[in-house]
mmCIF file of all heavy atoms, coordinates in Angstrom:
data_MODEL
# 
_entry.id   MODEL 
# 
loop_
_atom_site.group_PDB 
_atom_site.id 
_atom_site.type_symbol 
_atom_site.label_atom_id 
_atom_site.label_alt_id 
_atom_site.label_comp_id 
_atom_site.label_asym_id 
_atom_site.label_entity_id 
_atom_site.label_seq_id 
_atom_site.pdbx_PDB_ins_code 
_atom_site.Cartn_x 
_atom_site.Cartn_y 
_atom_site.Cartn_z 
_atom_site.occupancy 
_atom_site.B_iso_or_equiv 
_atom_site.pdbx_formal_charge 
_atom_site.auth_seq_id 
_atom_site.auth_comp_id 
_atom_site.auth_asym_id 
_atom_site.auth_atom_id 
_atom_site.pdbx_PDB_model_num 
ATOM 1   N N   . CYS A 1 1  ? 47.940 15.118 -29.304 1.00 0.00 ? 1  CYS A N   1 
ATOM 2   C CA  . CYS A 1 1  ? 49.028 16.107 -29.521 1.00 0.00 ? 1  CYS A CA  1 
ATOM 3   C C   . CYS A 1 1  ? 48.269 17.443 -29.305 1.00 0.00 ? 1  CYS A C   1 
ATOM 4   O O   . CYS A 1 1  ? 47.061 17.649 -29.364 1.00 0.00 ? 1  CYS A O   1 
ATOM 5   C CB  . CYS A 1 1  ? 49.531 16.161 -30.881 1.00 0.00 ? 1  CYS A CB  1 
ATOM 6   S SG  . CYS A 1 1  ? 50.391 14.465 -31.287 1.00 0.00 ? 1  CYS A SG  1 
ATOM 7   N N   . TYR A 1 2  ? 49.108 18.511 -28.953 1.00 0.00 ? 2  TYR A N   1 
ATOM 8   C CA  . TYR A 1 2  ? 48.665 19.815 -28.619 1.00 0.00 ? 2  TYR A CA  1 
ATOM 9   C C   . TYR A 1 2  ? 47.701 20.378 -29.734 1.00 0.00 ? 2  TYR A C   1 
ATOM 10  O O   . TYR A 1 2  ? 46.571 20.827 -29.306 1.00 0.00 ? 2  TYR A O   1 
ATOM 11  C CB  . TYR A 1 2  ? 49.820 20.785 -28.466 1.00 0.00 ? 2  TYR A CB  1 
ATOM 12  C CG  . TYR A 1 2  ? 49.315 22.097 -27.859 1.00 0.00 ? 2  TYR A CG  1 
ATOM 13  C CD1 . TYR A 1 2  ? 49.400 22.329 -26.485 1.00 0.00 ? 2  TYR A CD1 1 
ATOM 14  C CD2 . TYR A 1 2  ? 48.952 23.110 -28.674 1.00 0.00 ? 2  TYR A CD2 1 
ATOM 15  C CE1 . TYR A 1 2  ? 48.965 23.563 -25.878 1.00 0.00 ? 2  TYR A CE1 1 
ATOM 16  C CE2 . TYR A 1 2  ? 48.548 24.420 -28.160 1.00 0.00 ? 2  TYR A CE2 1 
ATOM 17  C CZ  . TYR A 1 2  ? 48.533 24.567 -26.772 1.00 0.00 ? 2  TYR A CZ  1 
ATOM 18  O OH  . TYR A 1 2  ? 48.146 25.750 -26.254 1.00 0.00 ? 2  TYR A OH  1 
ATOM 19  N N   . ASN A 1 3  ? 47.961 20.298 -30.971 1.00 0.00 ? 3  ASN A N   1 
ATOM 20  C CA  . ASN A 1 3  ? 47.111 20.817 -32.078 1.00 0.00 ? 3  ASN A CA  1 
ATOM 21  C C   . ASN A 1 3  ? 45.901 19.995 -32.368 1.00 0.00 ? 3  ASN A C   1 
ATOM 22  O O   . ASN A 1 3  ? 45.108 20.320 -33.263 1.00 0.00 ? 3  ASN A O   1 
ATOM 23  C CB  . ASN A 1 3  ? 47.932 21.089 -33.314 1.00 0.00 ? 3  ASN A CB  1 
ATOM 24  C CG  . ASN A 1 3  ? 48.595 19.779 -33.869 1.00 0.00 ? 3  ASN A CG  1 
ATOM 25  O OD1 . ASN A 1 3  ? 49.151 19.027 -33.049 1.00 0.00 ? 3  ASN A OD1 1 
ATOM 26  N ND2 . ASN A 1 3  ? 48.650 19.662 -35.160 1.00 0.00 ? 3  ASN A ND2 1 
ATOM 27  N N   . GLU A 1 4  ? 45.737 18.803 -31.696 1.00 0.00 ? 4  GLU A N   1 
ATOM 28  C CA  . GLU A 1 4  ? 44.505 18.109 -31.753 1.00 0.00 ? 4  GLU A CA  1 
ATOM 29  C C   . GLU A 1 4  ? 43.569 18.471 -30.798 1.00 0.00 ? 4  GLU A C   1 
ATOM 30  O O   . GLU A 1 4  ? 42.345 18.033 -30.836 1.00 0.00 ? 4  GLU A O   1 
ATOM 31  C CB  . GLU A 1 4  ? 44.842 16.545 -31.699 1.00 0.00 ? 4  GLU A CB  1 
ATOM 32  C CG  . GLU A 1 4  ? 45.665 15.942 -32.714 1.00 0.00 ? 4  GLU A CG  1 
ATOM 33  C CD  . GLU A 1 4  ? 45.882 14.412 -32.570 1.00 0.00 ? 4  GLU A CD  1 
ATOM 34  O OE1 . GLU A 1 4  ? 46.554 14.142 -31.520 1.00 0.00 ? 4  GLU A OE1 1 
ATOM 35  O OE2 . GLU A 1 4  ? 45.340 13.653 -33.301 1.00 0.00 ? 4  GLU A OE2 1 
ATOM 36  N N   . THR A 1 5  ? 43.817 19.293 -29.788 1.00 0.00 ? 5  THR A N   1 
ATOM 37  C CA  . THR A 1 5  ? 43.035 19.501 -28.609 1.00 0.00 ? 5  THR A CA  1 
ATOM 38  C C   . THR A 1 5  ? 42.391 20.887 -28.570 1.00 0.00 ? 5  THR A C   1 
ATOM 39  O O   . THR A 1 5  ? 42.756 21.776 -29.366 1.00 0.00 ? 5  THR A O   1 
ATOM 40  C CB  . THR A 1 5  ? 43.856 19.241 -27.347 1.00 0.00 ? 5  THR A CB  1 
ATOM 41  O OG1 . THR A 1 5  ? 44.763 20.297 -27.213 1.00 0.00 ? 5  THR A OG1 1 
ATOM 42  C CG2 . THR A 1 5  ? 44.583 17.974 -27.423 1.00 0.00 ? 5  THR A CG2 1 
ATOM 43  N N   . VAL A 1 6  ? 41.530 21.055 -27.644 1.00 0.00 ? 6  VAL A N   1 
ATOM 44  C CA  . VAL A 1 6  ? 40.837 22.244 -27.435 1.00 0.00 ? 6  VAL A CA  1 
ATOM 45  C C   . VAL A 1 6  ? 41.941 23.400 -27.040 1.00 0.00 ? 6  VAL A C   1 
ATOM 46  O O   . VAL A 1 6  ? 41.703 24.550 -27.380 1.00 0.00 ? 6  VAL A O   1 
ATOM 47  C CB  . VAL A 1 6  ? 39.812 22.201 -26.371 1.00 0.00 ? 6  VAL A CB  1 
ATOM 48  C CG1 . VAL A 1 6  ? 39.048 23.532 -26.032 1.00 0.00 ? 6  VAL A CG1 1 
ATOM 49  C CG2 . VAL A 1 6  ? 38.824 21.195 -26.722 1.00 0.00 ? 6  VAL A CG2 1 
ATOM 50  N N   . ALA A 1 7  ? 43.030 23.012 -26.435 1.00 0.00 ? 7  ALA A N   1 
ATOM 51  C CA  . ALA A 1 7  ? 44.062 24.078 -26.112 1.00 0.00 ? 7  ALA A CA  1 
ATOM 52  C C   . ALA A 1 7  ? 44.537 24.758 -27.354 1.00 0.00 ? 7  ALA A C   1 
ATOM 53  O O   . ALA A 1 7  ? 44.697 25.995 -27.139 1.00 0.00 ? 7  ALA A O   1 
ATOM 54  C CB  . ALA A 1 7  ? 45.237 23.272 -25.451 1.00 0.00 ? 7  ALA A CB  1 
ATOM 55  N N   . GLN A 1 8  ? 44.619 24.274 -28.468 1.00 0.00 ? 8  GLN A N   1 
ATOM 56  C CA  . GLN A 1 8  ? 44.904 24.954 -29.679 1.00 0.00 ? 8  GLN A CA  1 
ATOM 57  C C   . GLN A 1 8  ? 43.936 26.003 -30.100 1.00 0.00 ? 8  GLN A C   1 
ATOM 58  O O   . GLN A 1 8  ? 44.291 26.926 -30.706 1.00 0.00 ? 8  GLN A O   1 
ATOM 59  C CB  . GLN A 1 8  ? 45.322 23.951 -30.805 1.00 0.00 ? 8  GLN A CB  1 
ATOM 60  C CG  . GLN A 1 8  ? 45.652 24.603 -32.062 1.00 0.00 ? 8  GLN A CG  1 
ATOM 61  C CD  . GLN A 1 8  ? 47.088 25.102 -32.118 1.00 0.00 ? 8  GLN A CD  1 
ATOM 62  O OE1 . GLN A 1 8  ? 47.681 25.261 -30.966 1.00 0.00 ? 8  GLN A OE1 1 
ATOM 63  N NE2 . GLN A 1 8  ? 47.486 25.594 -33.114 1.00 0.00 ? 8  GLN A NE2 1 
ATOM 64  N N   . GLU A 1 9  ? 42.705 25.711 -29.726 1.00 0.00 ? 9  GLU A N   1 
ATOM 65  C CA  . GLU A 1 9  ? 41.628 26.704 -30.134 1.00 0.00 ? 9  GLU A CA  1 
ATOM 66  C C   . GLU A 1 9  ? 41.681 27.908 -29.200 1.00 0.00 ? 9  GLU A C   1 
ATOM 67  O O   . GLU A 1 9  ? 41.520 29.097 -29.685 1.00 0.00 ? 9  GLU A O   1 
ATOM 68  C CB  . GLU A 1 9  ? 40.226 26.037 -29.985 1.00 0.00 ? 9  GLU A CB  1 
ATOM 69  C CG  . GLU A 1 9  ? 40.030 24.856 -30.835 1.00 0.00 ? 9  GLU A CG  1 
ATOM 70  C CD  . GLU A 1 9  ? 38.723 24.191 -30.656 1.00 0.00 ? 9  GLU A CD  1 
ATOM 71  O OE1 . GLU A 1 9  ? 37.759 24.854 -30.311 1.00 0.00 ? 9  GLU A OE1 1 
ATOM 72  O OE2 . GLU A 1 9  ? 38.575 22.925 -30.981 1.00 0.00 ? 9  GLU A OE2 1 
ATOM 73  N N   . TYR A 1 10 ? 41.914 27.770 -27.893 1.00 0.00 ? 10 TYR A N   1 
ATOM 74  C CA  . TYR A 1 10 ? 42.010 28.823 -27.011 1.00 0.00 ? 10 TYR A CA  1 
ATOM 75  C C   . TYR A 1 10 ? 43.374 29.439 -26.873 1.00 0.00 ? 10 TYR A C   1 
ATOM 76  O O   . TYR A 1 10 ? 43.472 30.800 -26.550 1.00 0.00 ? 10 TYR A O   1 
ATOM 77  C CB  . TYR A 1 10 ? 41.501 28.454 -25.604 1.00 0.00 ? 10 TYR A CB  1 
ATOM 78  C CG  . TYR A 1 10 ? 39.998 28.214 -25.442 1.00 0.00 ? 10 TYR A CG  1 
ATOM 79  C CD1 . TYR A 1 10 ? 39.423 27.013 -25.979 1.00 0.00 ? 10 TYR A CD1 1 
ATOM 80  C CD2 . TYR A 1 10 ? 39.231 29.294 -25.053 1.00 0.00 ? 10 TYR A CD2 1 
ATOM 81  C CE1 . TYR A 1 10 ? 38.056 26.839 -25.759 1.00 0.00 ? 10 TYR A CE1 1 
ATOM 82  C CE2 . TYR A 1 10 ? 37.873 28.977 -24.900 1.00 0.00 ? 10 TYR A CE2 1 
ATOM 83  C CZ  . TYR A 1 10 ? 37.304 27.761 -25.354 1.00 0.00 ? 10 TYR A CZ  1 
ATOM 84  O OH  . TYR A 1 10 ? 35.975 27.586 -25.201 1.00 0.00 ? 10 TYR A OH  1 
ATOM 85  N N   . PHE A 1 11 ? 44.442 28.656 -27.012 1.00 0.00 ? 11 PHE A N   1 
ATOM 86  C CA  . PHE A 1 11 ? 45.778 29.204 -26.817 1.00 0.00 ? 11 PHE A CA  1 
ATOM 87  C C   . PHE A 1 11 ? 46.698 28.673 -27.909 1.00 0.00 ? 11 PHE A C   1 
ATOM 88  O O   . PHE A 1 11 ? 47.467 27.779 -27.702 1.00 0.00 ? 11 PHE A O   1 
ATOM 89  C CB  . PHE A 1 11 ? 46.364 28.597 -25.404 1.00 0.00 ? 11 PHE A CB  1 
ATOM 90  C CG  . PHE A 1 11 ? 45.557 29.046 -24.222 1.00 0.00 ? 11 PHE A CG  1 
ATOM 91  C CD1 . PHE A 1 11 ? 44.643 28.272 -23.788 1.00 0.00 ? 11 PHE A CD1 1 
ATOM 92  C CD2 . PHE A 1 11 ? 45.919 30.219 -23.546 1.00 0.00 ? 11 PHE A CD2 1 
ATOM 93  C CE1 . PHE A 1 11 ? 43.876 28.619 -22.549 1.00 0.00 ? 11 PHE A CE1 1 
ATOM 94  C CE2 . PHE A 1 11 ? 45.255 30.715 -22.377 1.00 0.00 ? 11 PHE A CE2 1 
ATOM 95  C CZ  . PHE A 1 11 ? 44.099 29.875 -21.902 1.00 0.00 ? 11 PHE A CZ  1 
ATOM 96  N N   . PRO A 1 12 ? 46.389 29.139 -29.204 1.00 0.00 ? 12 PRO A N   1 
ATOM 97  C CA  . PRO A 1 12 ? 47.018 28.620 -30.390 1.00 0.00 ? 12 PRO A CA  1 
ATOM 98  C C   . PRO A 1 12 ? 48.609 28.856 -30.385 1.00 0.00 ? 12 PRO A C   1 
ATOM 99  O O   . PRO A 1 12 ? 49.163 29.869 -29.917 1.00 0.00 ? 12 PRO A O   1 
ATOM 100 C CB  . PRO A 1 12 ? 46.506 29.523 -31.466 1.00 0.00 ? 12 PRO A CB  1 
ATOM 101 C CG  . PRO A 1 12 ? 45.919 30.718 -30.898 1.00 0.00 ? 12 PRO A CG  1 
ATOM 102 C CD  . PRO A 1 12 ? 45.581 30.308 -29.484 1.00 0.00 ? 12 PRO A CD  1 
ATOM 103 N N   . LEU A 1 13 ? 49.244 27.734 -30.795 1.00 0.00 ? 13 LEU A N   1 
ATOM 104 C CA  . LEU A 1 13 ? 50.713 27.790 -30.865 1.00 0.00 ? 13 LEU A CA  1 
ATOM 105 C C   . LEU A 1 13 ? 51.150 27.236 -32.246 1.00 0.00 ? 13 LEU A C   1 
ATOM 106 O O   . LEU A 1 13 ? 50.476 26.508 -32.888 1.00 0.00 ? 13 LEU A O   1 
ATOM 107 C CB  . LEU A 1 13 ? 51.344 26.831 -29.862 1.00 0.00 ? 13 LEU A CB  1 
ATOM 108 C CG  . LEU A 1 13 ? 51.201 27.171 -28.407 1.00 0.00 ? 13 LEU A CG  1 
ATOM 109 C CD1 . LEU A 1 13 ? 51.765 25.998 -27.535 1.00 0.00 ? 13 LEU A CD1 1 
ATOM 110 C CD2 . LEU A 1 13 ? 51.682 28.470 -27.987 1.00 0.00 ? 13 LEU A CD2 1 
ATOM 111 N N   . THR A 1 14 ? 52.337 27.755 -32.775 1.00 0.00 ? 14 THR A N   1 
ATOM 112 C CA  . THR A 1 14 ? 52.880 27.053 -33.991 1.00 0.00 ? 14 THR A CA  1 
ATOM 113 C C   . THR A 1 14 ? 53.601 25.714 -33.504 1.00 0.00 ? 14 THR A C   1 
ATOM 114 O O   . THR A 1 14 ? 53.714 25.520 -32.262 1.00 0.00 ? 14 THR A O   1 
ATOM 115 C CB  . THR A 1 14 ? 54.009 27.910 -34.423 1.00 0.00 ? 14 THR A CB  1 
ATOM 116 O OG1 . THR A 1 14 ? 55.087 28.160 -33.504 1.00 0.00 ? 14 THR A OG1 1 
ATOM 117 C CG2 . THR A 1 14 ? 53.388 29.403 -34.825 1.00 0.00 ? 14 THR A CG2 1 
ATOM 118 N N   . LYS A 1 15 ? 53.941 24.932 -34.384 1.00 0.00 ? 15 LYS A N   1 
ATOM 119 C CA  . LYS A 1 15 ? 54.544 23.653 -34.130 1.00 0.00 ? 15 LYS A CA  1 
ATOM 120 C C   . LYS A 1 15 ? 55.863 23.937 -33.256 1.00 0.00 ? 15 LYS A C   1 
ATOM 121 O O   . LYS A 1 15 ? 56.113 23.201 -32.233 1.00 0.00 ? 15 LYS A O   1 
ATOM 122 C CB  . LYS A 1 15 ? 54.872 22.930 -35.403 1.00 0.00 ? 15 LYS A CB  1 
ATOM 123 C CG  . LYS A 1 15 ? 55.593 21.556 -35.181 1.00 0.00 ? 15 LYS A CG  1 
ATOM 124 C CD  . LYS A 1 15 ? 55.800 20.928 -36.554 1.00 0.00 ? 15 LYS A CD  1 
ATOM 125 C CE  . LYS A 1 15 ? 56.542 19.606 -36.363 1.00 0.00 ? 15 LYS A CE  1 
ATOM 126 N NZ  . LYS A 1 15 ? 56.823 18.826 -37.723 1.00 0.00 ? 15 LYS A NZ  1 
ATOM 127 N N   . LYS A 1 16 ? 56.606 24.959 -33.769 1.00 0.00 ? 16 LYS A N   1 
ATOM 128 C CA  . LYS A 1 16 ? 57.879 25.124 -33.056 1.00 0.00 ? 16 LYS A CA  1 
ATOM 129 C C   . LYS A 1 16 ? 57.667 25.672 -31.614 1.00 0.00 ? 16 LYS A C   1 
ATOM 130 O O   . LYS A 1 16 ? 58.353 25.236 -30.735 1.00 0.00 ? 16 LYS A O   1 
ATOM 131 C CB  . LYS A 1 16 ? 58.629 26.315 -33.872 1.00 0.00 ? 16 LYS A CB  1 
ATOM 132 C CG  . LYS A 1 16 ? 60.042 26.639 -33.274 1.00 0.00 ? 16 LYS A CG  1 
ATOM 133 C CD  . LYS A 1 16 ? 60.710 27.589 -34.215 1.00 0.00 ? 16 LYS A CD  1 
ATOM 134 C CE  . LYS A 1 16 ? 62.092 27.914 -33.628 1.00 0.00 ? 16 LYS A CE  1 
ATOM 135 N NZ  . LYS A 1 16 ? 62.703 29.003 -34.423 1.00 0.00 ? 16 LYS A NZ  1 
ATOM 136 N N   . GLU A 1 17 ? 56.573 26.463 -31.437 1.00 0.00 ? 17 GLU A N   1 
ATOM 137 C CA  . GLU A 1 17 ? 56.332 27.011 -30.059 1.00 0.00 ? 17 GLU A CA  1 
ATOM 138 C C   . GLU A 1 17 ? 55.916 25.780 -29.146 1.00 0.00 ? 17 GLU A C   1 
ATOM 139 O O   . GLU A 1 17 ? 56.324 25.656 -27.986 1.00 0.00 ? 17 GLU A O   1 
ATOM 140 C CB  . GLU A 1 17 ? 55.238 28.055 -30.139 1.00 0.00 ? 17 GLU A CB  1 
ATOM 141 C CG  . GLU A 1 17 ? 55.773 29.398 -30.751 1.00 0.00 ? 17 GLU A CG  1 
ATOM 142 C CD  . GLU A 1 17 ? 54.664 30.286 -31.008 1.00 0.00 ? 17 GLU A CD  1 
ATOM 143 O OE1 . GLU A 1 17 ? 53.443 29.843 -31.130 1.00 0.00 ? 17 GLU A OE1 1 
ATOM 144 O OE2 . GLU A 1 17 ? 54.825 31.458 -31.125 1.00 0.00 ? 17 GLU A OE2 1 
ATOM 145 N N   . ALA A 1 18 ? 55.115 24.935 -29.645 1.00 0.00 ? 18 ALA A N   1 
ATOM 146 C CA  . ALA A 1 18 ? 54.471 23.836 -28.930 1.00 0.00 ? 18 ALA A CA  1 
ATOM 147 C C   . ALA A 1 18 ? 55.599 22.848 -28.450 1.00 0.00 ? 18 ALA A C   1 
ATOM 148 O O   . ALA A 1 18 ? 55.646 22.528 -27.356 1.00 0.00 ? 18 ALA A O   1 
ATOM 149 C CB  . ALA A 1 18 ? 53.457 23.150 -29.719 1.00 0.00 ? 18 ALA A CB  1 
ATOM 150 N N   . ILE A 1 19 ? 56.511 22.489 -29.481 1.00 0.00 ? 19 ILE A N   1 
ATOM 151 C CA  . ILE A 1 19 ? 57.546 21.540 -29.196 1.00 0.00 ? 19 ILE A CA  1 
ATOM 152 C C   . ILE A 1 19 ? 58.491 22.209 -28.137 1.00 0.00 ? 19 ILE A C   1 
ATOM 153 O O   . ILE A 1 19 ? 58.995 21.516 -27.212 1.00 0.00 ? 19 ILE A O   1 
ATOM 154 C CB  . ILE A 1 19 ? 58.251 21.212 -30.417 1.00 0.00 ? 19 ILE A CB  1 
ATOM 155 C CG1 . ILE A 1 19 ? 57.335 20.410 -31.221 1.00 0.00 ? 19 ILE A CG1 1 
ATOM 156 C CG2 . ILE A 1 19 ? 59.578 20.383 -30.034 1.00 0.00 ? 19 ILE A CG2 1 
ATOM 157 C CD1 . ILE A 1 19 ? 57.900 19.991 -32.634 1.00 0.00 ? 19 ILE A CD1 1 
ATOM 158 N N   . LYS A 1 20 ? 58.821 23.503 -28.264 1.00 0.00 ? 20 LYS A N   1 
ATOM 159 C CA  . LYS A 1 20 ? 59.631 24.050 -27.329 1.00 0.00 ? 20 LYS A CA  1 
ATOM 160 C C   . LYS A 1 20 ? 59.067 24.189 -25.863 1.00 0.00 ? 20 LYS A C   1 
ATOM 161 O O   . LYS A 1 20 ? 59.843 24.020 -24.944 1.00 0.00 ? 20 LYS A O   1 
ATOM 162 C CB  . LYS A 1 20 ? 59.890 25.665 -27.758 1.00 0.00 ? 20 LYS A CB  1 
ATOM 163 C CG  . LYS A 1 20 ? 60.840 26.387 -26.886 1.00 0.00 ? 20 LYS A CG  1 
ATOM 164 C CD  . LYS A 1 20 ? 61.062 27.891 -27.451 1.00 0.00 ? 20 LYS A CD  1 
ATOM 165 C CE  . LYS A 1 20 ? 62.018 28.557 -26.548 1.00 0.00 ? 20 LYS A CE  1 
ATOM 166 N NZ  . LYS A 1 20 ? 62.250 29.985 -27.012 1.00 0.00 ? 20 LYS A NZ  1 
ATOM 167 N N   . GLN A 1 21 ? 57.699 24.229 -25.729 1.00 0.00 ? 21 GLN A N   1 
ATOM 168 C CA  . GLN A 1 21 ? 57.023 24.168 -24.435 1.00 0.00 ? 21 GLN A CA  1 
ATOM 169 C C   . GLN A 1 21 ? 56.917 22.770 -24.044 1.00 0.00 ? 21 GLN A C   1 
ATOM 170 O O   . GLN A 1 21 ? 56.208 22.610 -22.871 1.00 0.00 ? 21 GLN A O   1 
ATOM 171 C CB  . GLN A 1 21 ? 55.831 24.957 -24.452 1.00 0.00 ? 21 GLN A CB  1 
ATOM 172 C CG  . GLN A 1 21 ? 55.994 26.447 -24.780 1.00 0.00 ? 21 GLN A CG  1 
ATOM 173 C CD  . GLN A 1 21 ? 54.703 27.208 -24.849 1.00 0.00 ? 21 GLN A CD  1 
ATOM 174 O OE1 . GLN A 1 21 ? 53.758 26.904 -24.151 1.00 0.00 ? 21 GLN A OE1 1 
ATOM 175 N NE2 . GLN A 1 21 ? 54.603 28.172 -25.591 1.00 0.00 ? 21 GLN A NE2 1 
ATOM 176 N N   . GLY A 1 22 ? 57.325 21.768 -24.700 1.00 0.00 ? 22 GLY A N   1 
ATOM 177 C CA  . GLY A 1 22 ? 57.258 20.450 -24.174 1.00 0.00 ? 22 GLY A CA  1 
ATOM 178 C C   . GLY A 1 22 ? 56.093 19.680 -24.686 1.00 0.00 ? 22 GLY A C   1 
ATOM 179 O O   . GLY A 1 22 ? 55.790 18.540 -24.169 1.00 0.00 ? 22 GLY A O   1 
ATOM 180 N N   . TYR A 1 23 ? 55.221 20.223 -25.464 1.00 0.00 ? 23 TYR A N   1 
ATOM 181 C CA  . TYR A 1 23 ? 54.017 19.505 -26.034 1.00 0.00 ? 23 TYR A CA  1 
ATOM 182 C C   . TYR A 1 23 ? 54.337 18.733 -27.341 1.00 0.00 ? 23 TYR A C   1 
ATOM 183 O O   . TYR A 1 23 ? 55.284 19.051 -28.043 1.00 0.00 ? 23 TYR A O   1 
ATOM 184 C CB  . TYR A 1 23 ? 52.926 20.492 -26.329 1.00 0.00 ? 23 TYR A CB  1 
ATOM 185 C CG  . TYR A 1 23 ? 52.466 21.383 -25.124 1.00 0.00 ? 23 TYR A CG  1 
ATOM 186 C CD1 . TYR A 1 23 ? 52.593 22.826 -25.139 1.00 0.00 ? 23 TYR A CD1 1 
ATOM 187 C CD2 . TYR A 1 23 ? 52.068 20.791 -24.009 1.00 0.00 ? 23 TYR A CD2 1 
ATOM 188 C CE1 . TYR A 1 23 ? 52.300 23.555 -24.007 1.00 0.00 ? 23 TYR A CE1 1 
ATOM 189 C CE2 . TYR A 1 23 ? 51.696 21.605 -22.899 1.00 0.00 ? 23 TYR A CE2 1 
ATOM 190 C CZ  . TYR A 1 23 ? 51.777 22.953 -23.001 1.00 0.00 ? 23 TYR A CZ  1 
ATOM 191 O OH  . TYR A 1 23 ? 51.473 23.720 -21.896 1.00 0.00 ? 23 TYR A OH  1 
ATOM 192 N N   . SER A 1 24 ? 53.687 17.675 -27.568 1.00 0.00 ? 24 SER A N   1 
ATOM 193 C CA  . SER A 1 24 ? 53.727 16.961 -28.747 1.00 0.00 ? 24 SER A CA  1 
ATOM 194 C C   . SER A 1 24 ? 52.933 17.657 -29.883 1.00 0.00 ? 24 SER A C   1 
ATOM 195 O O   . SER A 1 24 ? 52.023 18.442 -29.622 1.00 0.00 ? 24 SER A O   1 
ATOM 196 C CB  . SER A 1 24 ? 53.322 15.422 -28.619 1.00 0.00 ? 24 SER A CB  1 
ATOM 197 O OG  . SER A 1 24 ? 51.946 15.398 -28.179 1.00 0.00 ? 24 SER A OG  1 
# 
């Protein structure tokens, strides 16, 4: 899922933002 990955460290998103952009 997005918040398990390095992407969350460099490009942090909230749960709502991540889901809106199509990420789990």
